[in-house]
Amino acid sequence: MENRLNETQLQQIVAEVERLSQIRQSQPDAEAIKEILRELNLPPELLDDALIQLQRRKALARQQRFRWIVGVVAVVVGAIPIALTGFYIYQNEQAIERVFSQQNRITLVQDNGDNLTVISRQNNPEIFYRVTLKDAPIGKKLSLSCDWIDPKGQVVKQNRYQTREINTTIWNTYCRQRIGNVAAAGNWQVKMFLKNRTIGTASFEVQ
């Protein structure tokens, strides 16, 4: 079946042919270029060499542009892991900043749900500082520490430990200290830290 052109398509083809014809006419052929070179007192026999040099320069420019693009892509690709790592660290820090103590108590080994305020040294009791954390980051392990401070304000013991992997936002943890016969009588204090931030404090009297 013979293809037929409508009037609009025919006009478009004619316009395109005229455009190509004008471009061809505006581009001088080799003989015209040589004539121009002679008028400029330039050796026309170097025309072929000049054309080769132009092609080499275009090829070099394309190569340099390609290398620049590859370099930019490499920098961007290399920056992605760094950005992701920074974002992960930021998210982790934000999660840790939200953690705080919802409840804290002083108990003996047997936890009856009470909160002791007076400790007797007679039986060398081991006491526990029990803390309930809120907004604990699920899937993380927290590095905690406790300072046991005597009546003179001196830290007599430090507990440092890491929790198990947290699986609930409300998380119970504790640190412990044995109060012996030689422990100073008076008002004591225990502080729990998450990194360098105090998240819980309790006071008790040793008699």
C-alpha atoms as a PDB file:
ATOM      1  CA  MET A   1       0.000   0.000   0.000  1.00  0.00           C
ATOM      2  CA  GLU A   2       1.488   3.291  -1.071  1.00  0.00           C
ATOM      3  CA  ASN A   3       2.158   5.781   1.731  1.00  0.00           C
ATOM      4  CA  ARG A   4       0.771   9.223   1.066  1.00  0.00           C
ATOM      5  CA  LEU A   5       1.754  12.446   2.769  1.00  0.00           C
ATOM      6  CA  ASN A   6      -0.803  14.959   3.884  1.00  0.00           C
ATOM      7  CA  GLU A   7      -0.315  18.638   3.224  1.00  0.00           C
ATOM      8  CA  THR A   8       1.118  19.391   6.658  1.00  0.00           C
ATOM      9  CA  GLN A   9       3.742  16.632   6.406  1.00  0.00           C
ATOM     10  CA  LEU A  10       4.698  17.791   2.919  1.00  0.00           C
ATOM     11  CA  GLN A  11       5.232  21.349   4.149  1.00  0.00           C
ATOM     12  CA  GLN A  12       7.413  20.063   7.005  1.00  0.00           C
ATOM     13  CA  ILE A  13       9.557  18.006   4.624  1.00  0.00           C
ATOM     14  CA  VAL A  14      10.008  20.936   2.241  1.00  0.00           C
ATOM     15  CA  ALA A  15      11.017  23.201   5.127  1.00  0.00           C
ATOM     16  CA  GLU A  16      13.540  20.646   6.400  1.00  0.00           C
ATOM     17  CA  VAL A  17      15.074  20.178   2.934  1.00  0.00           C
ATOM     18  CA  GLU A  18      15.424  23.946   2.555  1.00  0.00           C
ATOM     19  CA  ARG A  19      17.114  24.156   5.965  1.00  0.00           C
ATOM     20  CA  LEU A  20      19.613  21.403   5.102  1.00  0.00           C
ATOM     21  CA  SER A  21      20.298  23.010   1.740  1.00  0.00           C
ATOM     22  CA  GLN A  22      21.060  26.351   3.386  1.00  0.00           C
ATOM     23  CA  ILE A  23      23.399  24.674   5.863  1.00  0.00           C
ATOM     24  CA  ARG A  24      25.243  22.895   3.070  1.00  0.00           C
ATOM     25  CA  GLN A  25      25.593  26.104   1.072  1.00  0.00           C
ATOM     26  CA  SER A  26      26.907  27.962   4.094  1.00  0.00           C
ATOM     27  CA  GLN A  27      29.621  25.356   4.661  1.00  0.00           C
ATOM     28  CA  PRO A  28      32.577  25.852   2.298  1.00  0.00           C
ATOM     29  CA  ASP A  29      34.078  22.790   0.640  1.00  0.00           C
ATOM     30  CA  ALA A  30      37.750  21.888   0.732  1.00  0.00           C
ATOM     31  CA  GLU A  31      38.619  23.814  -2.453  1.00  0.00           C
ATOM     32  CA  ALA A  32      36.928  26.947  -1.115  1.00  0.00           C
ATOM     33  CA  ILE A  33      38.851  26.650   2.125  1.00  0.00           C
ATOM     34  CA  LYS A  34      42.140  26.232   0.262  1.00  0.00           C
ATOM     35  CA  GLU A  35      41.376  29.342  -1.787  1.00  0.00           C
ATOM     36  CA  ILE A  36      40.780  31.268   1.419  1.00  0.00           C
ATOM     37  CA  LEU A  37      44.106  30.029   2.786  1.00  0.00           C
ATOM     38  CA  ARG A  38      45.916  31.200  -0.354  1.00  0.00           C
ATOM     39  CA  GLU A  39      44.337  34.643   0.010  1.00  0.00           C
ATOM     40  CA  LEU A  40      45.662  34.719   3.577  1.00  0.00           C
ATOM     41  CA  ASN A  41      49.128  33.655   2.360  1.00  0.00           C
ATOM     42  CA  LEU A  42      48.804  30.370   4.260  1.00  0.00           C
ATOM     43  CA  PRO A  43      49.949  27.024   2.804  1.00  0.00           C
ATOM     44  CA  PRO A  44      46.772  25.162   1.642  1.00  0.00           C
ATOM     45  CA  GLU A  45      48.597  21.816   1.771  1.00  0.00           C
ATOM     46  CA  LEU A  46      48.354  21.993   5.586  1.00  0.00           C
ATOM     47  CA  LEU A  47      44.546  21.850   5.452  1.00  0.00           C
ATOM     48  CA  ASP A  48      44.393  18.092   6.047  1.00  0.00           C
ATOM     49  CA  ASP A  49      46.772  18.345   9.004  1.00  0.00           C
ATOM     50  CA  ALA A  50      44.726  21.202  10.434  1.00  0.00           C
ATOM     51  CA  LEU A  51      41.525  19.166  10.159  1.00  0.00           C
ATOM     52  CA  ILE A  52      43.208  16.251  11.936  1.00  0.00           C
ATOM     53  CA  GLN A  53      44.386  18.534  14.750  1.00  0.00           C
ATOM     54  CA  LEU A  54      40.880  19.942  15.161  1.00  0.00           C
ATOM     55  CA  GLN A  55      39.460  16.437  15.441  1.00  0.00           C
ATOM     56  CA  ARG A  56      42.102  15.560  18.051  1.00  0.00           C
ATOM     57  CA  ARG A  57      41.286  18.655  20.094  1.00  0.00           C
ATOM     58  CA  LYS A  58      37.568  17.862  20.012  1.00  0.00           C
ATOM     59  CA  ALA A  59      38.275  14.289  21.060  1.00  0.00           C
ATOM     60  CA  LEU A  60      40.550  15.516  23.905  1.00  0.00           C
ATOM     61  CA  ALA A  61      37.891  17.972  25.061  1.00  0.00           C
ATOM     62  CA  ARG A  62      35.297  15.195  25.119  1.00  0.00           C
ATOM     63  CA  GLN A  63      37.705  12.943  27.027  1.00  0.00           C
ATOM     64  CA  GLN A  64      38.450  15.631  29.611  1.00  0.00           C
ATOM     65  CA  ARG A  65      34.745  16.346  30.021  1.00  0.00           C
ATOM     66  CA  PHE A  66      34.094  12.636  30.505  1.00  0.00           C
ATOM     67  CA  ARG A  67      36.854  12.395  33.141  1.00  0.00           C
ATOM     68  CA  TRP A  68      35.401  15.400  34.959  1.00  0.00           C
ATOM     69  CA  ILE A  69      31.952  13.784  35.016  1.00  0.00           C
ATOM     70  CA  VAL A  70      33.436  10.498  36.253  1.00  0.00           C
ATOM     71  CA  GLY A  71      35.327  12.379  38.971  1.00  0.00           C
ATOM     72  CA  VAL A  72      32.194  14.179  40.129  1.00  0.00           C
ATOM     73  CA  VAL A  73      30.252  10.921  40.198  1.00  0.00           C
ATOM     74  CA  ALA A  74      33.062   9.247  42.173  1.00  0.00           C
ATOM     75  CA  VAL A  75      33.040  12.061  44.744  1.00  0.00           C
ATOM     76  CA  VAL A  76      29.261  11.876  45.103  1.00  0.00           C
ATOM     77  CA  VAL A  77      29.270   8.087  45.396  1.00  0.00           C
ATOM     78  CA  GLY A  78      32.118   8.227  47.918  1.00  0.00           C
ATOM     79  CA  ALA A  79      30.275  10.838  49.967  1.00  0.00           C
ATOM     80  CA  ILE A  80      27.111   8.746  50.271  1.00  0.00           C
ATOM     81  CA  PRO A  81      28.518   6.228  52.808  1.00  0.00           C
ATOM     82  CA  ILE A  82      29.979   9.094  54.846  1.00  0.00           C
ATOM     83  CA  ALA A  83      26.651  10.901  54.833  1.00  0.00           C
ATOM     84  CA  LEU A  84      24.799   7.720  55.784  1.00  0.00           C
ATOM     85  CA  THR A  85      27.251   7.038  58.602  1.00  0.00           C
ATOM     86  CA  GLY A  86      26.871  10.588  59.885  1.00  0.00           C
ATOM     87  CA  PHE A  87      23.094  10.294  59.719  1.00  0.00           C
ATOM     88  CA  TYR A  88      23.196   6.973  61.597  1.00  0.00           C
ATOM     89  CA  ILE A  89      25.405   8.462  64.334  1.00  0.00           C
ATOM     90  CA  TYR A  90      23.116  11.486  64.604  1.00  0.00           C
ATOM     91  CA  GLN A  91      20.031   9.281  64.871  1.00  0.00           C
ATOM     92  CA  ASN A  92      21.735   7.130  67.502  1.00  0.00           C
ATOM     93  CA  GLU A  93      22.752  10.183  69.539  1.00  0.00           C
ATOM     94  CA  GLN A  94      19.221  11.563  69.325  1.00  0.00           C
ATOM     95  CA  ALA A  95      17.797   8.250  70.539  1.00  0.00           C
ATOM     96  CA  ILE A  96      20.181   8.236  73.511  1.00  0.00           C
ATOM     97  CA  GLU A  97      19.351  11.847  74.390  1.00  0.00           C
ATOM     98  CA  ARG A  98      15.675  10.903  74.777  1.00  0.00           C
ATOM     99  CA  VAL A  99      16.387   8.272  77.453  1.00  0.00           C
ATOM    100  CA  PHE A 100      15.632   9.312  81.039  1.00  0.00           C
ATOM    101  CA  SER A 101      14.900   7.765  84.434  1.00  0.00           C
ATOM    102  CA  GLN A 102      11.219   7.164  85.094  1.00  0.00           C
ATOM    103  CA  GLN A 103      11.749   5.629  88.553  1.00  0.00           C
ATOM    104  CA  ASN A 104      14.698   4.822  90.818  1.00  0.00           C
ATOM    105  CA  ARG A 105      14.869   2.962  94.118  1.00  0.00           C
ATOM    106  CA  ILE A 106      17.339   1.623  96.675  1.00  0.00           C
ATOM    107  CA  THR A 107      16.689  -2.017  97.622  1.00  0.00           C
ATOM    108  CA  LEU A 108      18.431  -5.055  99.046  1.00  0.00           C
ATOM    109  CA  VAL A 109      19.082  -8.218  97.035  1.00  0.00           C
ATOM    110  CA  GLN A 110      15.486  -9.245  97.675  1.00  0.00           C
ATOM    111  CA  ASP A 111      13.415  -6.585  95.950  1.00  0.00           C
ATOM    112  CA  ASN A 112      10.100  -6.146  97.748  1.00  0.00           C
ATOM    113  CA  GLY A 113       9.173  -3.109  95.715  1.00  0.00           C
ATOM    114  CA  ASP A 114      10.223  -0.754  98.500  1.00  0.00           C
ATOM    115  CA  ASN A 115      12.657   2.153  98.432  1.00  0.00           C
ATOM    116  CA  LEU A 116      15.138   2.065 101.300  1.00  0.00           C
ATOM    117  CA  THR A 117      16.310   5.358 102.755  1.00  0.00           C
ATOM    118  CA  VAL A 118      18.302   3.956 105.714  1.00  0.00           C
ATOM    119  CA  ILE A 119      20.958   1.217 105.423  1.00  0.00           C
ATOM    120  CA  SER A 120      22.495  -0.565 108.418  1.00  0.00           C
ATOM    121  CA  ARG A 121      26.149  -1.600 108.199  1.00  0.00           C
ATOM    122  CA  GLN A 122      25.860  -4.445 110.687  1.00  0.00           C
ATOM    123  CA  ASN A 123      25.113  -7.217 108.178  1.00  0.00           C
ATOM    124  CA  ASN A 124      27.394  -5.969 105.387  1.00  0.00           C
ATOM    125  CA  PRO A 125      24.378  -5.614 103.087  1.00  0.00           C
ATOM    126  CA  GLU A 126      24.651  -5.497  99.321  1.00  0.00           C
ATOM    127  CA  ILE A 127      22.353  -2.764  98.095  1.00  0.00           C
ATOM    128  CA  PHE A 128      20.942  -2.263  94.636  1.00  0.00           C
ATOM    129  CA  TYR A 129      20.182   0.980  92.856  1.00  0.00           C
ATOM    130  CA  ARG A 130      17.302   0.001  90.575  1.00  0.00           C
ATOM    131  CA  VAL A 131      16.378   2.346  87.745  1.00  0.00           C
ATOM    132  CA  THR A 132      13.507   2.162  85.282  1.00  0.00           C
ATOM    133  CA  LEU A 133      14.400   3.846  82.005  1.00  0.00           C
ATOM    134  CA  LYS A 134      11.837   5.345  79.670  1.00  0.00           C
ATOM    135  CA  ASP A 135      12.197   5.778  75.889  1.00  0.00           C
ATOM    136  CA  ALA A 136      15.011   3.235  75.774  1.00  0.00           C
ATOM    137  CA  PRO A 137      16.144   2.661  72.158  1.00  0.00           C
ATOM    138  CA  ILE A 138      14.958  -0.747  70.964  1.00  0.00           C
ATOM    139  CA  GLY A 139      17.677  -2.876  69.381  1.00  0.00           C
ATOM    140  CA  LYS A 140      20.489  -0.956  71.095  1.00  0.00           C
ATOM    141  CA  LYS A 141      22.786  -1.654  74.031  1.00  0.00           C
ATOM    142  CA  LEU A 142      23.329   1.182  76.479  1.00  0.00           C
ATOM    143  CA  SER A 143      26.627   1.857  78.237  1.00  0.00           C
ATOM    144  CA  LEU A 144      25.779   2.848  81.802  1.00  0.00           C
ATOM    145  CA  SER A 145      27.783   3.685  84.916  1.00  0.00           C
ATOM    146  CA  CYS A 146      27.085   4.449  88.591  1.00  0.00           C
ATOM    147  CA  ASP A 147      29.009   6.523  91.106  1.00  0.00           C
ATOM    148  CA  TRP A 148      28.615   5.696  94.815  1.00  0.00           C
ATOM    149  CA  ILE A 149      29.419   8.845  96.774  1.00  0.00           C
ATOM    150  CA  ASP A 150      30.160   8.877 100.521  1.00  0.00           C
ATOM    151  CA  PRO A 151      29.236  11.659 103.004  1.00  0.00           C
ATOM    152  CA  LYS A 152      32.506  13.477 102.210  1.00  0.00           C
ATOM    153  CA  GLY A 153      31.581  13.710  98.545  1.00  0.00           C
ATOM    154  CA  GLN A 154      34.161  11.161  97.428  1.00  0.00           C
ATOM    155  CA  VAL A 155      33.376   8.485  94.838  1.00  0.00           C
ATOM    156  CA  VAL A 156      34.168   5.240  96.638  1.00  0.00           C
ATOM    157  CA  LYS A 157      33.061   2.912  93.841  1.00  0.00           C
ATOM    158  CA  GLN A 158      32.136   3.053  90.178  1.00  0.00           C
ATOM    159  CA  ASN A 159      30.062   0.491  88.287  1.00  0.00           C
ATOM    160  CA  ARG A 160      30.473   0.362  84.510  1.00  0.00           C
ATOM    161  CA  TYR A 161      28.481  -2.035  82.391  1.00  0.00           C
ATOM    162  CA  GLN A 162      26.539  -2.512  79.180  1.00  0.00           C
ATOM    163  CA  THR A 163      22.928  -3.589  79.059  1.00  0.00           C
ATOM    164  CA  ARG A 164      21.622  -6.476  77.032  1.00  0.00           C
ATOM    165  CA  GLU A 165      20.035  -5.592  73.708  1.00  0.00           C
ATOM    166  CA  ILE A 166      16.959  -3.578  74.589  1.00  0.00           C
ATOM    167  CA  ASN A 167      13.625  -4.990  73.417  1.00  0.00           C
ATOM    168  CA  THR A 168      11.175  -2.620  75.093  1.00  0.00           C
ATOM    169  CA  THR A 169      11.083   1.154  75.579  1.00  0.00           C
ATOM    170  CA  ILE A 170      10.551   0.723  79.336  1.00  0.00           C
ATOM    171  CA  TRP A 171      13.740  -0.917  80.587  1.00  0.00           C
ATOM    172  CA  ASN A 172      14.768  -1.941  84.112  1.00  0.00           C
ATOM    173  CA  THR A 173      18.434  -1.879  85.055  1.00  0.00           C
ATOM    174  CA  TYR A 174      20.515  -1.650  88.216  1.00  0.00           C
ATOM    175  CA  CYS A 175      23.956  -1.256  89.746  1.00  0.00           C
ATOM    176  CA  ARG A 176      25.074  -2.481  93.168  1.00  0.00           C
ATOM    177  CA  GLN A 177      27.408  -1.803  96.071  1.00  0.00           C
ATOM    178  CA  ARG A 178      28.223  -3.610  99.312  1.00  0.00           C
ATOM    179  CA  ILE A 179      28.060  -1.445 102.415  1.00  0.00           C
ATOM    180  CA  GLY A 180      30.571  -2.906 104.880  1.00  0.00           C
ATOM    181  CA  ASN A 181      31.303  -2.201 108.531  1.00  0.00           C
ATOM    182  CA  VAL A 182      34.008   0.290 107.537  1.00  0.00           C
ATOM    183  CA  ALA A 183      31.683   2.327 105.348  1.00  0.00           C
ATOM    184  CA  ALA A 184      31.350   5.929 106.521  1.00  0.00           C
ATOM    185  CA  ALA A 185      28.160   6.733 108.389  1.00  0.00           C
ATOM    186  CA  GLY A 186      26.049   9.559 107.093  1.00  0.00           C
ATOM    187  CA  ASN A 187      24.252  10.601 103.938  1.00  0.00           C
ATOM    188  CA  TRP A 188      25.271   8.784 100.767  1.00  0.00           C
ATOM    189  CA  GLN A 189      24.339   9.322  97.188  1.00  0.00           C
ATOM    190  CA  VAL A 190      24.338   7.197  94.021  1.00  0.00           C
ATOM    191  CA  LYS A 191      24.188   8.542  90.491  1.00  0.00           C
ATOM    192  CA  MET A 192      23.592   6.716  87.234  1.00  0.00           C
ATOM    193  CA  PHE A 193      25.086   8.017  84.004  1.00  0.00           C
ATOM    194  CA  LEU A 194      24.320   7.346  80.365  1.00  0.00           C
ATOM    195  CA  LYS A 195      27.600   8.289  78.746  1.00  0.00           C
ATOM    196  CA  ASN A 196      28.353  11.606  80.503  1.00  0.00           C
ATOM    197  CA  ARG A 197      24.734  12.528  81.248  1.00  0.00           C
ATOM    198  CA  THR A 198      23.192  11.960  84.668  1.00  0.00           C
ATOM    199  CA  ILE A 199      19.912  10.088  84.258  1.00  0.00           C
ATOM    200  CA  GLY A 200      19.176   9.151  87.882  1.00  0.00           C
ATOM    201  CA  THR A 201      20.103  10.098  91.444  1.00  0.00           C
ATOM    202  CA  ALA A 202      19.127   8.620  94.817  1.00  0.00           C
ATOM    203  CA  SER A 203      20.115   9.421  98.405  1.00  0.00           C
ATOM    204  CA  PHE A 204      20.211   7.156 101.474  1.00  0.00           C
ATOM    205  CA  GLU A 205      21.596   7.169 105.002  1.00  0.00           C
ATOM    206  CA  VAL A 206      24.151   4.690 106.267  1.00  0.00           C
ATOM    207  CA  GLN A 207      24.027   3.925 110.000  1.00  0.00           C
END
